[in-house]
Amino acid sequence: MNFSDSDKQAFLKALVQVMPYGKYKGRQLMDLPAHYLGWFNTQGFPDNALGRQLALVFELDHNGLLPELRRLLKKSS
């Protein structure tokens, strides 16, 4: 599957997006606890860009991909 540069940028932006509110305000989405992402999944993600980013990060976490992505992001910075 080929992704456009804009798709790649949106993906990376979702990982490093900072949670703007709540108990985990100030944390990057990729660093939110799994139980918090799971709570959003059962309650429903917000119907906005942040909600789509949270849903993406939930799926990555649920499929065990976040540790490797964190490692790659830290390695590239």
PDB file of N, CA and C in Angstrom:
ATOM      1  N   MET A   1       0.849  -1.175   0.000  1.00  0.00           N
ATOM      2  CA  MET A   1       0.000   0.000   0.000  1.00  0.00           C
ATOM      3  C   MET A   1       0.895   1.239   0.000  1.00  0.00           C
ATOM      4  N   ASN A   2       0.591   2.168  -0.861  1.00  0.00           N
ATOM      5  CA  ASN A   2       1.347   3.411  -0.935  1.00  0.00           C
ATOM      6  C   ASN A   2       0.572   4.526  -0.257  1.00  0.00           C
ATOM      7  N   PHE A   3       1.285   5.306   0.530  1.00  0.00           N
ATOM      8  CA  PHE A   3       0.683   6.440   1.213  1.00  0.00           C
ATOM      9  C   PHE A   3       1.263   7.720   0.649  1.00  0.00           C
ATOM     10  N   SER A   4       0.413   8.723   0.523  1.00  0.00           N
ATOM     11  CA  SER A   4       0.889  10.019   0.055  1.00  0.00           C
ATOM     12  C   SER A   4       1.685  10.690   1.174  1.00  0.00           C
ATOM     13  N   ASP A   5       2.452  11.693   0.806  1.00  0.00           N
ATOM     14  CA  ASP A   5       3.199  12.438   1.808  1.00  0.00           C
ATOM     15  C   ASP A   5       2.259  13.090   2.815  1.00  0.00           C
ATOM     16  N   SER A   6       1.110  13.550   2.365  1.00  0.00           N
ATOM     17  CA  SER A   6       0.161  14.173   3.294  1.00  0.00           C
ATOM     18  C   SER A   6      -0.423  13.142   4.257  1.00  0.00           C
ATOM     19  N   ASP A   7      -0.650  11.902   3.787  1.00  0.00           N
ATOM     20  CA  ASP A   7      -1.112  10.827   4.671  1.00  0.00           C
ATOM     21  C   ASP A   7      -0.060  10.529   5.734  1.00  0.00           C
ATOM     22  N   LYS A   8       1.198  10.470   5.327  1.00  0.00           N
ATOM     23  CA  LYS A   8       2.290  10.202   6.267  1.00  0.00           C
ATOM     24  C   LYS A   8       2.393  11.306   7.309  1.00  0.00           C
ATOM     25  N   GLN A   9       2.255  12.548   6.859  1.00  0.00           N
ATOM     26  CA  GLN A   9       2.326  13.682   7.788  1.00  0.00           C
ATOM     27  C   GLN A   9       1.167  13.640   8.789  1.00  0.00           C
ATOM     28  N   ALA A  10      -0.024  13.298   8.313  1.00  0.00           N
ATOM     29  CA  ALA A  10      -1.190  13.205   9.200  1.00  0.00           C
ATOM     30  C   ALA A  10      -0.999  12.089  10.229  1.00  0.00           C
ATOM     31  N   PHE A  11      -0.413  10.983   9.811  1.00  0.00           N
ATOM     32  CA  PHE A  11      -0.139   9.862  10.694  1.00  0.00           C
ATOM     33  C   PHE A  11       0.831  10.279  11.795  1.00  0.00           C
ATOM     34  N   LEU A  12       1.936  10.909  11.405  1.00  0.00           N
ATOM     35  CA  LEU A  12       2.921  11.360  12.383  1.00  0.00           C
ATOM     36  C   LEU A  12       2.343  12.418  13.306  1.00  0.00           C
ATOM     37  N   LYS A  13       1.536  13.304  12.751  1.00  0.00           N
ATOM     38  CA  LYS A  13       0.911  14.352  13.564  1.00  0.00           C
ATOM     39  C   LYS A  13       0.008  13.738  14.631  1.00  0.00           C
ATOM     40  N   ALA A  14      -0.711  12.679  14.283  1.00  0.00           N
ATOM     41  CA  ALA A  14      -1.582  12.011  15.258  1.00  0.00           C
ATOM     42  C   ALA A  14      -0.769  11.441  16.411  1.00  0.00           C
ATOM     43  N   LEU A  15       0.370  10.861  16.118  1.00  0.00           N
ATOM     44  CA  LEU A  15       1.182  10.257  17.172  1.00  0.00           C
ATOM     45  C   LEU A  15       1.715  11.284  18.160  1.00  0.00           C
ATOM     46  N   VAL A  16       2.110  12.430  17.655  1.00  0.00           N
ATOM     47  CA  VAL A  16       2.737  13.436  18.531  1.00  0.00           C
ATOM     48  C   VAL A  16       1.757  14.523  18.984  1.00  0.00           C
ATOM     49  N   GLN A  17       0.508  14.441  18.529  1.00  0.00           N
ATOM     50  CA  GLN A  17      -0.510  15.414  18.965  1.00  0.00           C
ATOM     51  C   GLN A  17      -0.593  15.401  20.485  1.00  0.00           C
ATOM     52  N   VAL A  18      -0.678  16.564  21.081  1.00  0.00           N
ATOM     53  CA  VAL A  18      -0.770  16.680  22.540  1.00  0.00           C
ATOM     54  C   VAL A  18      -2.239  16.692  22.939  1.00  0.00           C
ATOM     55  N   MET A  19      -2.561  15.897  23.948  1.00  0.00           N
ATOM     56  CA  MET A  19      -3.929  15.845  24.476  1.00  0.00           C
ATOM     57  C   MET A  19      -4.253  17.205  25.078  1.00  0.00           C
ATOM     58  N   PRO A  20      -5.306  17.876  24.579  1.00  0.00           N
ATOM     59  CA  PRO A  20      -5.568  19.244  25.014  1.00  0.00           C
ATOM     60  C   PRO A  20      -6.395  19.379  26.297  1.00  0.00           C
ATOM     61  N   TYR A  21      -6.951  18.287  26.803  1.00  0.00           N
ATOM     62  CA  TYR A  21      -7.812  18.397  27.982  1.00  0.00           C
ATOM     63  C   TYR A  21      -7.824  17.089  28.757  1.00  0.00           C
ATOM     64  N   GLY A  22      -8.435  17.136  29.927  1.00  0.00           N
ATOM     65  CA  GLY A  22      -8.651  15.930  30.712  1.00  0.00           C
ATOM     66  C   GLY A  22      -7.473  15.548  31.591  1.00  0.00           C
ATOM     67  N   LYS A  23      -7.597  14.384  32.166  1.00  0.00           N
ATOM     68  CA  LYS A  23      -6.606  13.865  33.108  1.00  0.00           C
ATOM     69  C   LYS A  23      -5.208  13.786  32.499  1.00  0.00           C
ATOM     70  N   TYR A  24      -5.130  13.524  31.205  1.00  0.00           N
ATOM     71  CA  TYR A  24      -3.837  13.346  30.540  1.00  0.00           C
ATOM     72  C   TYR A  24      -3.460  14.532  29.659  1.00  0.00           C
ATOM     73  N   LYS A  25      -4.005  15.683  29.996  1.00  0.00           N
ATOM     74  CA  LYS A  25      -3.682  16.918  29.270  1.00  0.00           C
ATOM     75  C   LYS A  25      -2.164  17.110  29.244  1.00  0.00           C
ATOM     76  N   GLY A  26      -1.643  17.420  28.049  1.00  0.00           N
ATOM     77  CA  GLY A  26      -0.215  17.661  27.896  1.00  0.00           C
ATOM     78  C   GLY A  26       0.584  16.454  27.423  1.00  0.00           C
ATOM     79  N   ARG A  27      -0.014  15.278  27.442  1.00  0.00           N
ATOM     80  CA  ARG A  27       0.689  14.081  26.952  1.00  0.00           C
ATOM     81  C   ARG A  27       0.458  13.910  25.460  1.00  0.00           C
ATOM     82  N   GLN A  28       1.473  13.379  24.775  1.00  0.00           N
ATOM     83  CA  GLN A  28       1.278  13.032  23.373  1.00  0.00           C
ATOM     84  C   GLN A  28       0.312  11.854  23.295  1.00  0.00           C
ATOM     85  N   LEU A  29      -0.476  11.817  22.237  1.00  0.00           N
ATOM     86  CA  LEU A  29      -1.467  10.744  22.109  1.00  0.00           C
ATOM     87  C   LEU A  29      -0.824   9.367  22.142  1.00  0.00           C
ATOM     88  N   MET A  30       0.362   9.231  21.559  1.00  0.00           N
ATOM     89  CA  MET A  30       1.009   7.910  21.561  1.00  0.00           C
ATOM     90  C   MET A  30       1.442   7.483  22.957  1.00  0.00           C
ATOM     91  N   ASP A  31       1.436   8.415  23.920  1.00  0.00           N
ATOM     92  CA  ASP A  31       1.829   8.096  25.288  1.00  0.00           C
ATOM     93  C   ASP A  31       0.650   7.985  26.251  1.00  0.00           C
ATOM     94  N   LEU A  32      -0.568   8.021  25.714  1.00  0.00           N
ATOM     95  CA  LEU A  32      -1.739   7.847  26.569  1.00  0.00           C
ATOM     96  C   LEU A  32      -1.854   6.387  26.993  1.00  0.00           C
ATOM     97  N   PRO A  33      -2.317   6.142  28.217  1.00  0.00           N
ATOM     98  CA  PRO A  33      -2.480   4.752  28.671  1.00  0.00           C
ATOM     99  C   PRO A  33      -3.521   4.003  27.827  1.00  0.00           C
ATOM    100  N   ALA A  34      -3.289   2.717  27.657  1.00  0.00           N
ATOM    101  CA  ALA A  34      -4.190   1.880  26.858  1.00  0.00           C
ATOM    102  C   ALA A  34      -5.609   1.905  27.413  1.00  0.00           C
ATOM    103  N   HIS A  35      -5.762   1.921  28.737  1.00  0.00           N
ATOM    104  CA  HIS A  35      -7.104   1.899  29.315  1.00  0.00           C
ATOM    105  C   HIS A  35      -7.871   3.183  28.981  1.00  0.00           C
ATOM    106  N   TYR A  36      -7.165   4.303  28.848  1.00  0.00           N
ATOM    107  CA  TYR A  36      -7.804   5.570  28.497  1.00  0.00           C
ATOM    108  C   TYR A  36      -8.260   5.547  27.037  1.00  0.00           C
ATOM    109  N   LEU A  37      -7.401   5.044  26.165  1.00  0.00           N
ATOM    110  CA  LEU A  37      -7.788   4.897  24.761  1.00  0.00           C
ATOM    111  C   LEU A  37      -8.961   3.931  24.628  1.00  0.00           C
ATOM    112  N   GLY A  38      -8.929   2.852  25.408  1.00  0.00           N
ATOM    113  CA  GLY A  38     -10.028   1.885  25.404  1.00  0.00           C
ATOM    114  C   GLY A  38     -11.334   2.496  25.894  1.00  0.00           C
ATOM    115  N   TRP A  39     -11.242   3.374  26.887  1.00  0.00           N
ATOM    116  CA  TRP A  39     -12.426   4.061  27.388  1.00  0.00           C
ATOM    117  C   TRP A  39     -13.052   4.901  26.276  1.00  0.00           C
ATOM    118  N   PHE A  40     -12.224   5.644  25.566  1.00  0.00           N
ATOM    119  CA  PHE A  40     -12.737   6.433  24.443  1.00  0.00           C
ATOM    120  C   PHE A  40     -13.388   5.517  23.409  1.00  0.00           C
ATOM    121  N   ASN A  41     -12.781   4.370  23.172  1.00  0.00           N
ATOM    122  CA  ASN A  41     -13.324   3.452  22.181  1.00  0.00           C
ATOM    123  C   ASN A  41     -14.728   2.988  22.571  1.00  0.00           C
ATOM    124  N   THR A  42     -14.950   2.723  23.854  1.00  0.00           N
ATOM    125  CA  THR A  42     -16.283   2.269  24.278  1.00  0.00           C
ATOM    126  C   THR A  42     -17.278   3.418  24.392  1.00  0.00           C
ATOM    127  N   GLN A  43     -16.809   4.601  24.781  1.00  0.00           N
ATOM    128  CA  GLN A  43     -17.692   5.757  24.945  1.00  0.00           C
ATOM    129  C   GLN A  43     -17.978   6.473  23.627  1.00  0.00           C
ATOM    130  N   GLY A  44     -17.062   6.335  22.712  1.00  0.00           N
ATOM    131  CA  GLY A  44     -17.160   7.031  21.430  1.00  0.00           C
ATOM    132  C   GLY A  44     -16.128   8.139  21.357  1.00  0.00           C
ATOM    133  N   PHE A  45     -15.397   8.159  20.271  1.00  0.00           N
ATOM    134  CA  PHE A  45     -14.395   9.192  20.065  1.00  0.00           C
ATOM    135  C   PHE A  45     -15.093  10.493  19.677  1.00  0.00           C
ATOM    136  N   PRO A  46     -14.514  11.639  20.057  1.00  0.00           N
ATOM    137  CA  PRO A  46     -15.109  12.911  19.628  1.00  0.00           C
ATOM    138  C   PRO A  46     -15.232  12.960  18.101  1.00  0.00           C
ATOM    139  N   ASP A  47     -16.244  13.653  17.632  1.00  0.00           N
ATOM    140  CA  ASP A  47     -16.491  13.764  16.199  1.00  0.00           C
ATOM    141  C   ASP A  47     -15.741  14.973  15.637  1.00  0.00           C
ATOM    142  N   ASN A  48     -14.412  14.867  15.662  1.00  0.00           N
ATOM    143  CA  ASN A  48     -13.562  15.953  15.158  1.00  0.00           C
ATOM    144  C   ASN A  48     -12.185  15.373  14.833  1.00  0.00           C
ATOM    145  N   ALA A  49     -11.249  16.233  14.483  1.00  0.00           N
ATOM    146  CA  ALA A  49      -9.908  15.772  14.109  1.00  0.00           C
ATOM    147  C   ALA A  49      -9.231  15.040  15.268  1.00  0.00           C
ATOM    148  N   LEU A  50      -9.369  15.562  16.479  1.00  0.00           N
ATOM    149  CA  LEU A  50      -8.768  14.894  17.632  1.00  0.00           C
ATOM    150  C   LEU A  50      -9.351  13.494  17.811  1.00  0.00           C
ATOM    151  N   GLY A  51     -10.638  13.365  17.634  1.00  0.00           N
ATOM    152  CA  GLY A  51     -11.277  12.053  17.751  1.00  0.00           C
ATOM    153  C   GLY A  51     -10.735  11.058  16.740  1.00  0.00           C
ATOM    154  N   ARG A  52     -10.512  11.523  15.510  1.00  0.00           N
ATOM    155  CA  ARG A  52      -9.940  10.637  14.486  1.00  0.00           C
ATOM    156  C   ARG A  52      -8.508  10.254  14.854  1.00  0.00           C
ATOM    157  N   GLN A  53      -7.773  11.187  15.414  1.00  0.00           N
ATOM    158  CA  GLN A  53      -6.401  10.892  15.837  1.00  0.00           C
ATOM    159  C   GLN A  53      -6.405   9.894  16.994  1.00  0.00           C
ATOM    160  N   LEU A  54      -7.292  10.097  17.959  1.00  0.00           N
ATOM    161  CA  LEU A  54      -7.398   9.159  19.084  1.00  0.00           C
ATOM    162  C   LEU A  54      -7.772   7.761  18.601  1.00  0.00           C
ATOM    163  N   ALA A  55      -8.692   7.687  17.643  1.00  0.00           N
ATOM    164  CA  ALA A  55      -9.099   6.384  17.105  1.00  0.00           C
ATOM    165  C   ALA A  55      -7.925   5.688  16.416  1.00  0.00           C
ATOM    166  N   LEU A  56      -7.134   6.441  15.684  1.00  0.00           N
ATOM    167  CA  LEU A  56      -5.960   5.874  15.031  1.00  0.00           C
ATOM    168  C   LEU A  56      -4.967   5.346  16.061  1.00  0.00           C
ATOM    169  N   VAL A  57      -4.688   6.143  17.074  1.00  0.00           N
ATOM    170  CA  VAL A  57      -3.731   5.730  18.103  1.00  0.00           C
ATOM    171  C   VAL A  57      -4.271   4.525  18.870  1.00  0.00           C
ATOM    172  N   PHE A  58      -5.580   4.478  19.118  1.00  0.00           N
ATOM    173  CA  PHE A  58      -6.177   3.306  19.758  1.00  0.00           C
ATOM    174  C   PHE A  58      -5.921   2.056  18.930  1.00  0.00           C
ATOM    175  N   GLU A  59      -6.162   2.130  17.634  1.00  0.00           N
ATOM    176  CA  GLU A  59      -5.952   0.973  16.754  1.00  0.00           C
ATOM    177  C   GLU A  59      -4.487   0.530  16.747  1.00  0.00           C
ATOM    178  N   LEU A  60      -3.587   1.499  16.714  1.00  0.00           N
ATOM    179  CA  LEU A  60      -2.156   1.164  16.744  1.00  0.00           C
ATOM    180  C   LEU A  60      -1.794   0.482  18.054  1.00  0.00           C
ATOM    181  N   ASP A  61      -2.315   1.014  19.157  1.00  0.00           N
ATOM    182  CA  ASP A  61      -2.041   0.424  20.461  1.00  0.00           C
ATOM    183  C   ASP A  61      -2.663  -0.967  20.565  1.00  0.00           C
ATOM    184  N   HIS A  62      -3.907  -1.074  20.150  1.00  0.00           N
ATOM    185  CA  HIS A  62      -4.642  -2.339  20.220  1.00  0.00           C
ATOM    186  C   HIS A  62      -3.930  -3.450  19.435  1.00  0.00           C
ATOM    187  N   ASN A  63      -3.258  -3.069  18.360  1.00  0.00           N
ATOM    188  CA  ASN A  63      -2.546  -4.039  17.527  1.00  0.00           C
ATOM    189  C   ASN A  63      -1.064  -4.167  17.877  1.00  0.00           C
ATOM    190  N   GLY A  64      -0.660  -3.552  18.989  1.00  0.00           N
ATOM    191  CA  GLY A  64       0.703  -3.721  19.491  1.00  0.00           C
ATOM    192  C   GLY A  64       1.780  -2.992  18.704  1.00  0.00           C
ATOM    193  N   LEU A  65       1.413  -1.953  17.972  1.00  0.00           N
ATOM    194  CA  LEU A  65       2.379  -1.269  17.116  1.00  0.00           C
ATOM    195  C   LEU A  65       3.016  -0.031  17.755  1.00  0.00           C
ATOM    196  N   LEU A  66       2.444   0.482  18.832  1.00  0.00           N
ATOM    197  CA  LEU A  66       2.967   1.725  19.404  1.00  0.00           C
ATOM    198  C   LEU A  66       4.406   1.626  19.917  1.00  0.00           C
ATOM    199  N   PRO A  67       4.803   0.555  20.583  1.00  0.00           N
ATOM    200  CA  PRO A  67       6.204   0.513  21.066  1.00  0.00           C
ATOM    201  C   PRO A  67       7.226   0.676  19.941  1.00  0.00           C
ATOM    202  N   GLU A  68       7.004   0.030  18.828  1.00  0.00           N
ATOM    203  CA  GLU A  68       7.936   0.137  17.702  1.00  0.00           C
ATOM    204  C   GLU A  68       7.886   1.541  17.090  1.00  0.00           C
ATOM    205  N   LEU A  69       6.713   2.098  16.994  1.00  0.00           N
ATOM    206  CA  LEU A  69       6.589   3.453  16.441  1.00  0.00           C
ATOM    207  C   LEU A  69       7.268   4.485  17.349  1.00  0.00           C
ATOM    208  N   ARG A  70       7.103   4.313  18.667  1.00  0.00           N
ATOM    209  CA  ARG A  70       7.793   5.214  19.600  1.00  0.00           C
ATOM    210  C   ARG A  70       9.302   5.123  19.399  1.00  0.00           C
ATOM    211  N   ARG A  71       9.795   3.900  19.275  1.00  0.00           N
ATOM    212  CA  ARG A  71      11.229   3.682  19.093  1.00  0.00           C
ATOM    213  C   ARG A  71      11.719   4.360  17.804  1.00  0.00           C
ATOM    214  N   LEU A  72      10.978   4.192  16.726  1.00  0.00           N
ATOM    215  CA  LEU A  72      11.363   4.789  15.448  1.00  0.00           C
ATOM    216  C   LEU A  72      11.335   6.316  15.508  1.00  0.00           C
ATOM    217  N   LEU A  73      10.325   6.869  16.163  1.00  0.00           N
ATOM    218  CA  LEU A  73      10.226   8.321  16.271  1.00  0.00           C
ATOM    219  C   LEU A  73      11.383   8.896  17.094  1.00  0.00           C
ATOM    220  N   LYS A  74      11.724   8.224  18.182  1.00  0.00           N
ATOM    221  CA  LYS A  74      12.829   8.704  19.023  1.00  0.00           C
ATOM    222  C   LYS A  74      14.157   8.589  18.289  1.00  0.00           C
ATOM    223  N   LYS A  75      14.297   7.530  17.508  1.00  0.00           N
ATOM    224  CA  LYS A  75      15.518   7.298  16.754  1.00  0.00           C
ATOM    225  C   LYS A  75      15.709   8.372  15.674  1.00  0.00           C
ATOM    226  N   SER A  76      14.604   8.832  15.078  1.00  0.00           N
ATOM    227  CA  SER A  76      14.701   9.803  13.991  1.00  0.00           C
ATOM    228  C   SER A  76      14.847  11.243  14.480  1.00  0.00           C
ATOM    229  N   SER A  77      14.602  11.477  15.760  1.00  0.00           N
ATOM    230  CA  SER A  77      14.702  12.856  16.250  1.00  0.00           C
ATOM    231  C   SER A  77      16.060  13.198  16.818  1.00  0.00           C
TER     232      SER A  77
END
